[in-house]
Amino acid sequence: MYLPSQFDHPKHAAAIMREHPLATLISTDDNDFPFAAHLPLRLIEENGKQLLLGHCARANPLVGYLERRPAALACFLGPHAYMSPRVYADQQRVPTWSYLAVHVRVEARLLEGEEAKDALLKMLIADHEPAYAAQWRSLPESYTTKMLLGIAAFELEIRDLQCAVKLNQHRPEAHPAMHAAWAVGTAQEQALAGWMERLGLA
């Protein structure tokens, strides 16, 4: 991605990926054209490596593409919002868009066996709806086995990443007005106000 130095914040990548787990995973089809899938990915650290774990329908062409071409790109988008030039005291300014984003270059490996897929699903349940775990365990094995056979699970080893936190850091004169406007704005704007506080810009 285009990443000016003032917006380059790799130390915040893990937080963004965990707080906004729905990623766009981009592979290439058999004609070398980009193929995108929108999937929740779970970040873990294992044996000194950072991994993203996910799954999709076995019928999804992505499965074959990752098998044949393991290199892929996962993109995470955090909060984002329009920024009005009204935050500046002078008039010779233009609007922009503020956002948080992470681009991750990964190497994919499919996980074999129903046990690995079941473990992955239980991790995702624990992340997003812990109360559902009891219901999943209570379902007939004939049903859960059928569900597990219908998905493909994979791990994506992170080889490189870029993290953009674009909050107008290079224009500190605008920060008080930006924060004041976003703090009472939409949910996205309020999230950006929170990130300004995290970075000490508010």
N, C-alpha and C. Protein backbone atom coordinates (compact mmCIF):
# COMPACT_ATOMS: atom_id res chain seq x y z
N MET A 1 0.84 -1.19 0.00
CA MET A 1 0.00 0.00 0.00
C MET A 1 0.88 1.24 0.00
N TYR A 2 0.30 2.34 -0.43
CA TYR A 2 1.00 3.63 -0.32
C TYR A 2 0.99 4.01 1.16
N LEU A 3 2.18 4.25 1.74
CA LEU A 3 2.26 4.41 3.18
C LEU A 3 3.28 5.49 3.55
N PRO A 4 2.85 6.77 3.56
CA PRO A 4 3.75 7.82 4.04
C PRO A 4 4.21 7.54 5.47
N SER A 5 5.41 7.97 5.79
CA SER A 5 6.03 7.60 7.06
C SER A 5 5.21 8.04 8.27
N GLN A 6 4.49 9.17 8.17
CA GLN A 6 3.75 9.65 9.34
C GLN A 6 2.55 8.76 9.68
N PHE A 7 2.15 7.90 8.74
CA PHE A 7 1.01 7.01 8.97
C PHE A 7 1.43 5.56 9.20
N ASP A 8 2.72 5.30 9.23
CA ASP A 8 3.26 3.94 9.32
C ASP A 8 3.36 3.52 10.79
N HIS A 9 2.45 2.63 11.23
CA HIS A 9 2.39 2.24 12.64
C HIS A 9 2.25 0.73 12.79
N PRO A 10 3.29 -0.04 12.46
CA PRO A 10 3.17 -1.51 12.53
C PRO A 10 2.86 -2.05 13.92
N LYS A 11 3.22 -1.31 14.97
CA LYS A 11 2.98 -1.83 16.31
C LYS A 11 1.48 -1.93 16.63
N HIS A 12 0.64 -1.25 15.86
CA HIS A 12 -0.80 -1.32 16.11
C HIS A 12 -1.50 -2.36 15.23
N ALA A 13 -0.75 -3.07 14.41
CA ALA A 13 -1.37 -4.01 13.47
C ALA A 13 -2.15 -5.10 14.19
N ALA A 14 -1.56 -5.69 15.23
CA ALA A 14 -2.24 -6.80 15.92
C ALA A 14 -3.56 -6.33 16.53
N ALA A 15 -3.58 -5.16 17.12
CA ALA A 15 -4.81 -4.65 17.72
C ALA A 15 -5.89 -4.45 16.66
N ILE A 16 -5.51 -3.90 15.52
CA ILE A 16 -6.50 -3.67 14.45
C ILE A 16 -7.04 -5.00 13.94
N MET A 17 -6.16 -5.98 13.72
CA MET A 17 -6.61 -7.28 13.21
C MET A 17 -7.52 -7.98 14.20
N ARG A 18 -7.24 -7.85 15.49
CA ARG A 18 -8.08 -8.51 16.49
C ARG A 18 -9.41 -7.78 16.69
N GLU A 19 -9.40 -6.47 16.61
CA GLU A 19 -10.63 -5.71 16.83
C GLU A 19 -11.53 -5.68 15.59
N HIS A 20 -10.94 -5.95 14.43
CA HIS A 20 -11.70 -5.92 13.16
C HIS A 20 -11.34 -7.17 12.36
N PRO A 21 -11.80 -8.35 12.81
CA PRO A 21 -11.30 -9.61 12.24
C PRO A 21 -11.81 -9.96 10.85
N LEU A 22 -12.84 -9.28 10.34
CA LEU A 22 -13.31 -9.60 8.99
C LEU A 22 -12.31 -9.06 7.97
N ALA A 23 -11.63 -9.97 7.28
CA ALA A 23 -10.59 -9.59 6.33
C ALA A 23 -11.04 -9.85 4.91
N THR A 24 -10.39 -9.19 3.98
CA THR A 24 -10.50 -9.53 2.56
C THR A 24 -9.24 -10.32 2.22
N LEU A 25 -9.42 -11.60 1.93
CA LEU A 25 -8.29 -12.47 1.59
C LEU A 25 -8.22 -12.57 0.07
N ILE A 26 -7.10 -12.15 -0.48
CA ILE A 26 -6.96 -12.04 -1.94
C ILE A 26 -5.94 -13.05 -2.44
N SER A 27 -6.41 -13.94 -3.30
CA SER A 27 -5.57 -14.90 -3.99
C SER A 27 -5.64 -14.58 -5.48
N THR A 28 -5.21 -15.51 -6.31
CA THR A 28 -5.37 -15.34 -7.76
C THR A 28 -6.01 -16.59 -8.34
N ASP A 29 -6.87 -16.40 -9.33
CA ASP A 29 -7.51 -17.55 -9.96
C ASP A 29 -6.57 -18.17 -10.99
N ASP A 30 -7.06 -19.14 -11.72
CA ASP A 30 -6.19 -19.86 -12.66
C ASP A 30 -5.86 -19.05 -13.90
N ASN A 31 -6.43 -17.86 -14.03
CA ASN A 31 -6.05 -16.94 -15.10
C ASN A 31 -5.22 -15.77 -14.58
N ASP A 32 -4.71 -15.91 -13.36
CA ASP A 32 -3.89 -14.87 -12.71
C ASP A 32 -4.65 -13.59 -12.44
N PHE A 33 -5.98 -13.70 -12.31
CA PHE A 33 -6.79 -12.53 -11.94
C PHE A 33 -7.07 -12.58 -10.44
N PRO A 34 -7.03 -11.45 -9.73
CA PRO A 34 -7.28 -11.48 -8.28
C PRO A 34 -8.65 -12.07 -7.95
N PHE A 35 -8.67 -12.90 -6.90
CA PHE A 35 -9.90 -13.50 -6.39
C PHE A 35 -9.99 -13.13 -4.91
N ALA A 36 -11.08 -12.49 -4.51
CA ALA A 36 -11.22 -12.00 -3.14
C ALA A 36 -12.31 -12.75 -2.39
N ALA A 37 -12.04 -13.05 -1.14
CA ALA A 37 -13.02 -13.66 -0.24
C ALA A 37 -13.04 -12.86 1.05
N HIS A 38 -14.22 -12.72 1.63
CA HIS A 38 -14.37 -11.94 2.87
C HIS A 38 -14.61 -12.92 4.01
N LEU A 39 -13.63 -13.00 4.91
CA LEU A 39 -13.61 -14.05 5.93
C LEU A 39 -13.11 -13.51 7.26
N PRO A 40 -13.67 -13.96 8.39
CA PRO A 40 -13.06 -13.62 9.68
C PRO A 40 -11.78 -14.43 9.86
N LEU A 41 -10.73 -13.76 10.27
CA LEU A 41 -9.44 -14.42 10.50
C LEU A 41 -9.01 -14.15 11.93
N ARG A 42 -8.47 -15.19 12.56
CA ARG A 42 -8.05 -15.09 13.96
C ARG A 42 -6.53 -15.05 14.05
N LEU A 43 -6.00 -14.03 14.67
CA LEU A 43 -4.56 -13.88 14.83
C LEU A 43 -4.09 -14.64 16.06
N ILE A 44 -3.07 -15.49 15.88
CA ILE A 44 -2.44 -16.17 17.02
C ILE A 44 -0.93 -16.11 16.85
N GLU A 45 -0.22 -16.38 17.94
CA GLU A 45 1.23 -16.52 17.90
C GLU A 45 1.57 -17.93 18.34
N GLU A 46 2.39 -18.61 17.54
CA GLU A 46 2.72 -20.01 17.81
C GLU A 46 4.16 -20.27 17.38
N ASN A 47 4.97 -20.76 18.33
CA ASN A 47 6.37 -21.08 18.04
C ASN A 47 7.10 -19.91 17.39
N GLY A 48 6.86 -18.72 17.91
CA GLY A 48 7.54 -17.54 17.41
C GLY A 48 7.01 -17.01 16.09
N LYS A 49 5.94 -17.60 15.57
CA LYS A 49 5.36 -17.14 14.31
C LYS A 49 4.00 -16.52 14.56
N GLN A 50 3.65 -15.58 13.72
CA GLN A 50 2.30 -15.02 13.73
C GLN A 50 1.50 -15.70 12.63
N LEU A 51 0.33 -16.21 13.02
CA LEU A 51 -0.53 -16.94 12.09
C LEU A 51 -1.93 -16.34 12.10
N LEU A 52 -2.58 -16.40 10.95
CA LEU A 52 -4.00 -16.09 10.85
C LEU A 52 -4.72 -17.38 10.55
N LEU A 53 -5.75 -17.69 11.33
CA LEU A 53 -6.53 -18.91 11.14
C LEU A 53 -7.90 -18.56 10.59
N GLY A 54 -8.38 -19.36 9.64
CA GLY A 54 -9.69 -19.10 9.07
C GLY A 54 -10.26 -20.32 8.40
N HIS A 55 -11.46 -20.17 7.88
CA HIS A 55 -12.09 -21.27 7.14
C HIS A 55 -13.09 -20.69 6.15
N CYS A 56 -13.45 -21.50 5.18
CA CYS A 56 -14.47 -21.11 4.22
C CYS A 56 -15.18 -22.37 3.75
N ALA A 57 -16.23 -22.21 2.98
CA ALA A 57 -16.93 -23.36 2.41
C ALA A 57 -15.96 -24.15 1.53
N ARG A 58 -16.02 -25.47 1.64
CA ARG A 58 -15.15 -26.30 0.80
C ARG A 58 -15.40 -26.05 -0.68
N ALA A 59 -16.62 -25.65 -1.03
CA ALA A 59 -16.96 -25.39 -2.43
C ALA A 59 -16.38 -24.08 -2.95
N ASN A 60 -15.86 -23.24 -2.06
CA ASN A 60 -15.30 -21.96 -2.47
C ASN A 60 -14.05 -22.19 -3.31
N PRO A 61 -13.97 -21.60 -4.51
CA PRO A 61 -12.76 -21.78 -5.34
C PRO A 61 -11.48 -21.36 -4.64
N LEU A 62 -11.59 -20.51 -3.63
CA LEU A 62 -10.41 -20.06 -2.89
C LEU A 62 -9.58 -21.24 -2.39
N VAL A 63 -10.23 -22.33 -2.01
CA VAL A 63 -9.53 -23.48 -1.45
C VAL A 63 -8.49 -24.00 -2.45
N GLY A 64 -8.92 -24.24 -3.68
CA GLY A 64 -8.00 -24.72 -4.71
C GLY A 64 -6.92 -23.71 -5.05
N TYR A 65 -7.29 -22.43 -5.07
CA TYR A 65 -6.31 -21.41 -5.40
C TYR A 65 -5.20 -21.36 -4.35
N LEU A 66 -5.57 -21.46 -3.06
CA LEU A 66 -4.56 -21.44 -2.00
C LEU A 66 -3.71 -22.70 -2.03
N GLU A 67 -4.30 -23.83 -2.41
CA GLU A 67 -3.51 -25.05 -2.53
C GLU A 67 -2.46 -24.92 -3.62
N ARG A 68 -2.85 -24.36 -4.74
CA ARG A 68 -1.94 -24.28 -5.89
C ARG A 68 -1.00 -23.09 -5.81
N ARG A 69 -1.45 -22.01 -5.18
CA ARG A 69 -0.64 -20.79 -5.07
C ARG A 69 -0.78 -20.26 -3.64
N PRO A 70 0.04 -20.74 -2.73
CA PRO A 70 -0.14 -20.40 -1.30
C PRO A 70 0.06 -18.93 -0.94
N ALA A 71 0.79 -18.18 -1.75
CA ALA A 71 1.01 -16.76 -1.43
C ALA A 71 -0.28 -15.98 -1.62
N ALA A 72 -0.64 -15.18 -0.62
CA ALA A 72 -1.89 -14.41 -0.68
C ALA A 72 -1.73 -13.13 0.11
N LEU A 73 -2.76 -12.28 0.01
CA LEU A 73 -2.77 -11.00 0.72
C LEU A 73 -4.05 -10.90 1.53
N ALA A 74 -3.91 -10.62 2.83
CA ALA A 74 -5.07 -10.40 3.69
C ALA A 74 -5.13 -8.93 4.06
N CYS A 75 -6.29 -8.30 3.86
CA CYS A 75 -6.47 -6.88 4.14
C CYS A 75 -7.52 -6.70 5.23
N PHE A 76 -7.19 -5.94 6.25
CA PHE A 76 -8.10 -5.63 7.34
C PHE A 76 -8.37 -4.12 7.32
N LEU A 77 -9.63 -3.76 7.48
CA LEU A 77 -10.00 -2.34 7.52
C LEU A 77 -10.60 -2.03 8.88
N GLY A 78 -9.99 -1.08 9.57
CA GLY A 78 -10.51 -0.65 10.86
C GLY A 78 -11.50 0.50 10.68
N PRO A 79 -11.72 1.31 11.71
CA PRO A 79 -12.65 2.43 11.58
C PRO A 79 -12.16 3.43 10.54
N HIS A 80 -13.10 4.09 9.88
CA HIS A 80 -12.75 5.06 8.85
C HIS A 80 -13.88 6.08 8.74
N ALA A 81 -13.55 7.28 8.30
CA ALA A 81 -14.56 8.33 8.19
C ALA A 81 -14.03 9.50 7.38
N TYR A 82 -14.94 10.21 6.80
CA TYR A 82 -14.66 11.47 6.11
C TYR A 82 -14.14 12.50 7.12
N MET A 83 -13.19 13.32 6.69
CA MET A 83 -12.69 14.40 7.53
C MET A 83 -12.90 15.72 6.81
N SER A 84 -13.68 16.58 7.39
CA SER A 84 -14.01 17.87 6.80
C SER A 84 -12.87 18.86 6.96
N PRO A 85 -12.64 19.73 5.97
CA PRO A 85 -11.63 20.78 6.12
C PRO A 85 -12.01 21.82 7.17
N ARG A 86 -13.22 21.73 7.72
CA ARG A 86 -13.64 22.67 8.76
C ARG A 86 -12.80 22.54 10.03
N VAL A 87 -12.01 21.45 10.16
CA VAL A 87 -11.19 21.29 11.36
C VAL A 87 -9.99 22.24 11.35
N TYR A 88 -9.75 22.89 10.21
CA TYR A 88 -8.63 23.83 10.12
C TYR A 88 -9.11 25.27 10.32
N ALA A 89 -8.23 26.08 10.85
CA ALA A 89 -8.58 27.48 11.06
C ALA A 89 -8.56 28.26 9.75
N ASP A 90 -7.72 27.87 8.80
CA ASP A 90 -7.64 28.58 7.54
C ASP A 90 -8.50 27.88 6.48
N GLN A 91 -8.79 28.58 5.39
CA GLN A 91 -9.72 28.09 4.38
C GLN A 91 -9.04 27.28 3.27
N GLN A 92 -7.74 27.43 3.09
CA GLN A 92 -7.08 26.75 1.97
C GLN A 92 -6.73 25.32 2.35
N ARG A 93 -7.77 24.53 2.51
CA ARG A 93 -7.65 23.12 2.89
C ARG A 93 -8.67 22.32 2.09
N VAL A 94 -8.45 21.00 2.03
CA VAL A 94 -9.37 20.13 1.29
C VAL A 94 -9.81 18.97 2.18
N PRO A 95 -10.94 18.34 1.86
CA PRO A 95 -11.37 17.17 2.64
C PRO A 95 -10.42 15.99 2.42
N THR A 96 -10.49 15.03 3.31
CA THR A 96 -9.75 13.78 3.15
C THR A 96 -10.54 12.67 3.83
N TRP A 97 -9.98 11.49 3.84
CA TRP A 97 -10.60 10.34 4.51
C TRP A 97 -9.59 9.78 5.49
N SER A 98 -10.00 9.58 6.71
CA SER A 98 -9.12 8.99 7.73
C SER A 98 -9.48 7.53 7.90
N TYR A 99 -8.46 6.70 8.15
CA TYR A 99 -8.72 5.26 8.24
C TYR A 99 -7.58 4.53 8.93
N LEU A 100 -7.89 3.30 9.33
CA LEU A 100 -6.89 2.36 9.83
C LEU A 100 -6.96 1.13 8.95
N ALA A 101 -5.81 0.63 8.49
CA ALA A 101 -5.81 -0.54 7.61
C ALA A 101 -4.53 -1.34 7.81
N VAL A 102 -4.65 -2.65 7.63
CA VAL A 102 -3.50 -3.55 7.71
C VAL A 102 -3.50 -4.43 6.47
N HIS A 103 -2.36 -4.50 5.79
CA HIS A 103 -2.17 -5.41 4.66
C HIS A 103 -1.12 -6.44 5.08
N VAL A 104 -1.46 -7.72 4.92
CA VAL A 104 -0.61 -8.80 5.41
C VAL A 104 -0.29 -9.76 4.27
N ARG A 105 1.00 -9.92 3.99
CA ARG A 105 1.42 -10.94 3.01
C ARG A 105 1.55 -12.27 3.74
N VAL A 106 0.88 -13.30 3.24
CA VAL A 106 0.80 -14.57 3.96
C VAL A 106 1.16 -15.73 3.03
N GLU A 107 1.48 -16.85 3.69
CA GLU A 107 1.69 -18.13 3.01
C GLU A 107 0.67 -19.10 3.61
N ALA A 108 -0.17 -19.66 2.76
CA ALA A 108 -1.30 -20.47 3.23
C ALA A 108 -0.95 -21.95 3.32
N ARG A 109 -1.56 -22.60 4.31
CA ARG A 109 -1.48 -24.06 4.45
C ARG A 109 -2.83 -24.57 4.89
N LEU A 110 -3.38 -25.52 4.15
CA LEU A 110 -4.67 -26.09 4.52
C LEU A 110 -4.50 -27.02 5.71
N LEU A 111 -5.46 -26.99 6.62
CA LEU A 111 -5.44 -27.86 7.81
C LEU A 111 -6.25 -29.11 7.51
N GLU A 112 -5.62 -30.25 7.72
CA GLU A 112 -6.28 -31.52 7.43
C GLU A 112 -6.90 -32.09 8.69
N GLY A 113 -8.01 -32.82 8.52
CA GLY A 113 -8.62 -33.55 9.63
C GLY A 113 -9.72 -32.78 10.32
N GLU A 114 -10.73 -33.52 10.74
CA GLU A 114 -11.88 -32.89 11.39
C GLU A 114 -11.51 -32.31 12.76
N GLU A 115 -10.52 -32.90 13.43
CA GLU A 115 -10.12 -32.41 14.75
C GLU A 115 -9.57 -30.99 14.66
N ALA A 116 -8.74 -30.74 13.65
CA ALA A 116 -8.17 -29.39 13.49
C ALA A 116 -9.26 -28.39 13.17
N LYS A 117 -10.22 -28.78 12.34
CA LYS A 117 -11.30 -27.86 11.99
C LYS A 117 -12.20 -27.60 13.20
N ASP A 118 -12.47 -28.64 13.97
CA ASP A 118 -13.30 -28.47 15.17
C ASP A 118 -12.61 -27.53 16.16
N ALA A 119 -11.29 -27.67 16.33
CA ALA A 119 -10.55 -26.80 17.24
C ALA A 119 -10.62 -25.35 16.78
N LEU A 120 -10.51 -25.15 15.47
CA LEU A 120 -10.61 -23.79 14.94
C LEU A 120 -11.98 -23.20 15.20
N LEU A 121 -13.04 -23.97 14.93
CA LEU A 121 -14.39 -23.46 15.16
C LEU A 121 -14.60 -23.11 16.63
N LYS A 122 -14.06 -23.91 17.53
CA LYS A 122 -14.22 -23.63 18.95
C LYS A 122 -13.50 -22.34 19.35
N MET A 123 -12.35 -22.07 18.73
CA MET A 123 -11.66 -20.81 18.99
C MET A 123 -12.50 -19.63 18.52
N LEU A 124 -13.09 -19.75 17.33
CA LEU A 124 -13.91 -18.66 16.80
C LEU A 124 -15.17 -18.46 17.65
N ILE A 125 -15.77 -19.55 18.10
CA ILE A 125 -16.93 -19.43 18.99
C ILE A 125 -16.54 -18.70 20.27
N ALA A 126 -15.38 -19.07 20.84
CA ALA A 126 -14.92 -18.41 22.07
C ALA A 126 -14.70 -16.92 21.85
N ASP A 127 -14.27 -16.54 20.65
CA ASP A 127 -14.04 -15.13 20.35
C ASP A 127 -15.35 -14.35 20.20
N HIS A 128 -16.32 -14.95 19.52
CA HIS A 128 -17.48 -14.18 19.07
C HIS A 128 -18.78 -14.48 19.80
N GLU A 129 -18.94 -15.68 20.32
CA GLU A 129 -20.18 -16.01 21.05
C GLU A 129 -19.93 -17.20 21.98
N PRO A 130 -19.24 -16.97 23.10
CA PRO A 130 -18.89 -18.09 23.99
C PRO A 130 -20.11 -18.92 24.43
N ALA A 131 -21.25 -18.27 24.57
CA ALA A 131 -22.44 -19.01 25.03
C ALA A 131 -22.88 -20.07 24.02
N TYR A 132 -22.47 -19.92 22.74
CA TYR A 132 -22.88 -20.90 21.73
C TYR A 132 -22.12 -22.22 21.87
N ALA A 133 -21.00 -22.22 22.60
CA ALA A 133 -20.17 -23.42 22.72
C ALA A 133 -20.98 -24.61 23.23
N ALA A 134 -21.83 -24.39 24.23
CA ALA A 134 -22.63 -25.49 24.79
C ALA A 134 -23.58 -26.05 23.75
N GLN A 135 -24.17 -25.16 22.94
CA GLN A 135 -25.08 -25.62 21.88
C GLN A 135 -24.34 -26.46 20.84
N TRP A 136 -23.15 -25.99 20.43
CA TRP A 136 -22.36 -26.74 19.44
C TRP A 136 -22.03 -28.14 19.97
N ARG A 137 -21.62 -28.22 21.25
CA ARG A 137 -21.26 -29.52 21.83
C ARG A 137 -22.46 -30.44 21.95
N SER A 138 -23.66 -29.87 22.05
CA SER A 138 -24.85 -30.69 22.24
C SER A 138 -25.45 -31.20 20.94
N LEU A 139 -24.98 -30.71 19.82
CA LEU A 139 -25.55 -31.12 18.53
C LEU A 139 -25.16 -32.56 18.21
N PRO A 140 -26.02 -33.28 17.49
CA PRO A 140 -25.69 -34.67 17.13
C PRO A 140 -24.40 -34.75 16.32
N GLU A 141 -23.62 -35.78 16.57
CA GLU A 141 -22.36 -35.94 15.86
C GLU A 141 -22.57 -36.05 14.35
N SER A 142 -23.69 -36.64 13.97
CA SER A 142 -23.97 -36.77 12.54
C SER A 142 -24.08 -35.39 11.88
N TYR A 143 -24.63 -34.43 12.64
CA TYR A 143 -24.79 -33.08 12.12
C TYR A 143 -23.45 -32.33 12.10
N THR A 144 -22.72 -32.38 13.24
CA THR A 144 -21.46 -31.63 13.31
C THR A 144 -20.43 -32.18 12.32
N THR A 145 -20.42 -33.49 12.13
CA THR A 145 -19.50 -34.08 11.16
C THR A 145 -19.81 -33.57 9.76
N LYS A 146 -21.09 -33.51 9.43
CA LYS A 146 -21.50 -33.00 8.11
C LYS A 146 -21.07 -31.55 7.94
N MET A 147 -21.22 -30.75 8.99
CA MET A 147 -20.82 -29.35 8.91
C MET A 147 -19.30 -29.22 8.72
N LEU A 148 -18.54 -30.03 9.45
CA LEU A 148 -17.09 -29.97 9.34
C LEU A 148 -16.60 -30.42 7.97
N LEU A 149 -17.29 -31.42 7.39
CA LEU A 149 -16.92 -31.87 6.05
C LEU A 149 -17.18 -30.80 5.00
N GLY A 150 -18.08 -29.88 5.30
CA GLY A 150 -18.45 -28.85 4.33
C GLY A 150 -17.55 -27.64 4.33
N ILE A 151 -16.53 -27.61 5.21
CA ILE A 151 -15.64 -26.46 5.25
C ILE A 151 -14.19 -26.88 5.02
N ALA A 152 -13.40 -25.92 4.63
CA ALA A 152 -11.95 -26.08 4.56
C ALA A 152 -11.33 -25.06 5.50
N ALA A 153 -10.42 -25.53 6.35
CA ALA A 153 -9.75 -24.65 7.30
C ALA A 153 -8.30 -24.46 6.87
N PHE A 154 -7.75 -23.31 7.22
CA PHE A 154 -6.38 -23.02 6.80
C PHE A 154 -5.71 -22.12 7.81
N GLU A 155 -4.37 -22.17 7.78
CA GLU A 155 -3.58 -21.20 8.54
C GLU A 155 -2.76 -20.40 7.54
N LEU A 156 -2.61 -19.14 7.85
CA LEU A 156 -1.88 -18.21 6.99
C LEU A 156 -0.69 -17.67 7.79
N GLU A 157 0.50 -18.09 7.41
CA GLU A 157 1.68 -17.60 8.11
C GLU A 157 2.02 -16.20 7.62
N ILE A 158 2.13 -15.26 8.55
CA ILE A 158 2.43 -13.88 8.18
C ILE A 158 3.91 -13.76 7.82
N ARG A 159 4.15 -13.30 6.59
CA ARG A 159 5.52 -13.11 6.11
C ARG A 159 5.92 -11.64 6.14
N ASP A 160 4.96 -10.76 6.01
CA ASP A 160 5.25 -9.33 6.03
C ASP A 160 3.93 -8.59 6.24
N LEU A 161 4.00 -7.39 6.80
CA LEU A 161 2.77 -6.61 6.94
C LEU A 161 3.06 -5.13 6.89
N GLN A 162 2.02 -4.39 6.55
CA GLN A 162 2.03 -2.93 6.59
C GLN A 162 0.79 -2.48 7.35
N CYS A 163 0.95 -1.44 8.15
CA CYS A 163 -0.16 -0.94 8.95
C CYS A 163 -0.25 0.58 8.81
N ALA A 164 -1.37 1.03 8.27
CA ALA A 164 -1.60 2.46 8.12
C ALA A 164 -2.58 2.95 9.17
N VAL A 165 -2.17 3.96 9.93
CA VAL A 165 -3.06 4.65 10.87
C VAL A 165 -3.05 6.10 10.41
N LYS A 166 -4.04 6.46 9.61
CA LYS A 166 -4.06 7.77 8.95
C LYS A 166 -5.03 8.70 9.70
N LEU A 167 -4.47 9.45 10.62
CA LEU A 167 -5.28 10.33 11.48
C LEU A 167 -4.76 11.76 11.45
N ASN A 168 -4.21 12.18 10.31
CA ASN A 168 -3.77 13.56 10.16
C ASN A 168 -2.69 13.94 11.18
N GLN A 169 -1.83 12.95 11.48
CA GLN A 169 -0.80 13.18 12.50
C GLN A 169 0.08 14.37 12.19
N HIS A 170 0.29 14.66 10.91
CA HIS A 170 1.20 15.73 10.51
C HIS A 170 0.55 17.11 10.56
N ARG A 171 -0.71 17.18 10.98
CA ARG A 171 -1.40 18.47 11.11
C ARG A 171 -1.94 18.63 12.53
N PRO A 172 -1.06 18.76 13.51
CA PRO A 172 -1.51 18.80 14.92
C PRO A 172 -2.44 19.96 15.23
N GLU A 173 -2.37 21.04 14.43
CA GLU A 173 -3.25 22.18 14.70
C GLU A 173 -4.72 21.81 14.52
N ALA A 174 -4.99 20.72 13.78
CA ALA A 174 -6.37 20.31 13.54
C ALA A 174 -6.89 19.31 14.57
N HIS A 175 -6.01 18.77 15.39
CA HIS A 175 -6.40 17.65 16.26
C HIS A 175 -7.52 17.98 17.24
N PRO A 176 -7.49 19.13 17.95
CA PRO A 176 -8.59 19.40 18.89
C PRO A 176 -9.96 19.42 18.21
N ALA A 177 -10.05 20.07 17.04
CA ALA A 177 -11.34 20.13 16.35
C ALA A 177 -11.74 18.77 15.79
N MET A 178 -10.76 18.00 15.27
CA MET A 178 -11.05 16.65 14.77
C MET A 178 -11.64 15.80 15.89
N HIS A 179 -10.96 15.78 17.02
CA HIS A 179 -11.39 14.93 18.13
C HIS A 179 -12.76 15.35 18.63
N ALA A 180 -12.98 16.64 18.77
CA ALA A 180 -14.27 17.14 19.26
C ALA A 180 -15.41 16.72 18.33
N ALA A 181 -15.18 16.83 17.02
CA ALA A 181 -16.23 16.47 16.06
C ALA A 181 -16.49 14.98 16.06
N TRP A 182 -15.42 14.18 16.04
CA TRP A 182 -15.59 12.73 15.98
C TRP A 182 -16.16 12.16 17.28
N ALA A 183 -15.84 12.75 18.41
CA ALA A 183 -16.28 12.21 19.70
C ALA A 183 -17.80 12.19 19.83
N VAL A 184 -18.49 13.05 19.07
CA VAL A 184 -19.96 13.09 19.14
C VAL A 184 -20.59 12.65 17.81
N GLY A 185 -19.80 12.01 16.97
CA GLY A 185 -20.26 11.63 15.64
C GLY A 185 -20.79 10.21 15.56
N THR A 186 -20.67 9.62 14.39
CA THR A 186 -21.13 8.25 14.15
C THR A 186 -20.25 7.27 14.93
N ALA A 187 -20.65 6.00 14.91
CA ALA A 187 -19.86 4.97 15.60
C ALA A 187 -18.44 4.90 15.02
N GLN A 188 -18.32 5.02 13.71
CA GLN A 188 -17.00 5.00 13.08
C GLN A 188 -16.17 6.20 13.55
N GLU A 189 -16.78 7.36 13.58
CA GLU A 189 -16.07 8.56 13.99
C GLU A 189 -15.67 8.48 15.45
N GLN A 190 -16.54 7.96 16.29
CA GLN A 190 -16.20 7.81 17.71
C GLN A 190 -15.04 6.84 17.89
N ALA A 191 -15.00 5.79 17.05
CA ALA A 191 -13.86 4.86 17.12
C ALA A 191 -12.57 5.56 16.73
N LEU A 192 -12.62 6.43 15.74
CA LEU A 192 -11.42 7.19 15.36
C LEU A 192 -11.00 8.15 16.47
N ALA A 193 -11.98 8.75 17.14
CA ALA A 193 -11.65 9.60 18.29
C ALA A 193 -10.92 8.79 19.35
N GLY A 194 -11.37 7.56 19.57
CA GLY A 194 -10.69 6.68 20.52
C GLY A 194 -9.25 6.39 20.10
N TRP A 195 -9.04 6.19 18.81
CA TRP A 195 -7.67 5.96 18.32
C TRP A 195 -6.82 7.21 18.44
N MET A 196 -7.39 8.38 18.29
CA MET A 196 -6.62 9.60 18.53
C MET A 196 -6.13 9.63 19.97
N GLU A 197 -6.98 9.21 20.89
CA GLU A 197 -6.58 9.16 22.31
C GLU A 197 -5.48 8.14 22.52
N ARG A 198 -5.60 6.97 21.88
CA ARG A 198 -4.56 5.94 22.00
C ARG A 198 -3.20 6.46 21.55
N LEU A 199 -3.20 7.23 20.49
CA LEU A 199 -1.95 7.72 19.93
C LEU A 199 -1.50 9.05 20.55
N GLY A 200 -2.24 9.54 21.53
CA GLY A 200 -1.87 10.78 22.19
C GLY A 200 -2.07 12.00 21.32
N LEU A 201 -3.05 11.94 20.39
CA LEU A 201 -3.31 13.07 19.51
C LEU A 201 -4.45 13.93 20.02
N ALA A 202 -5.15 13.48 21.04
CA ALA A 202 -6.32 14.22 21.53
C ALA A 202 -5.97 14.98 22.81
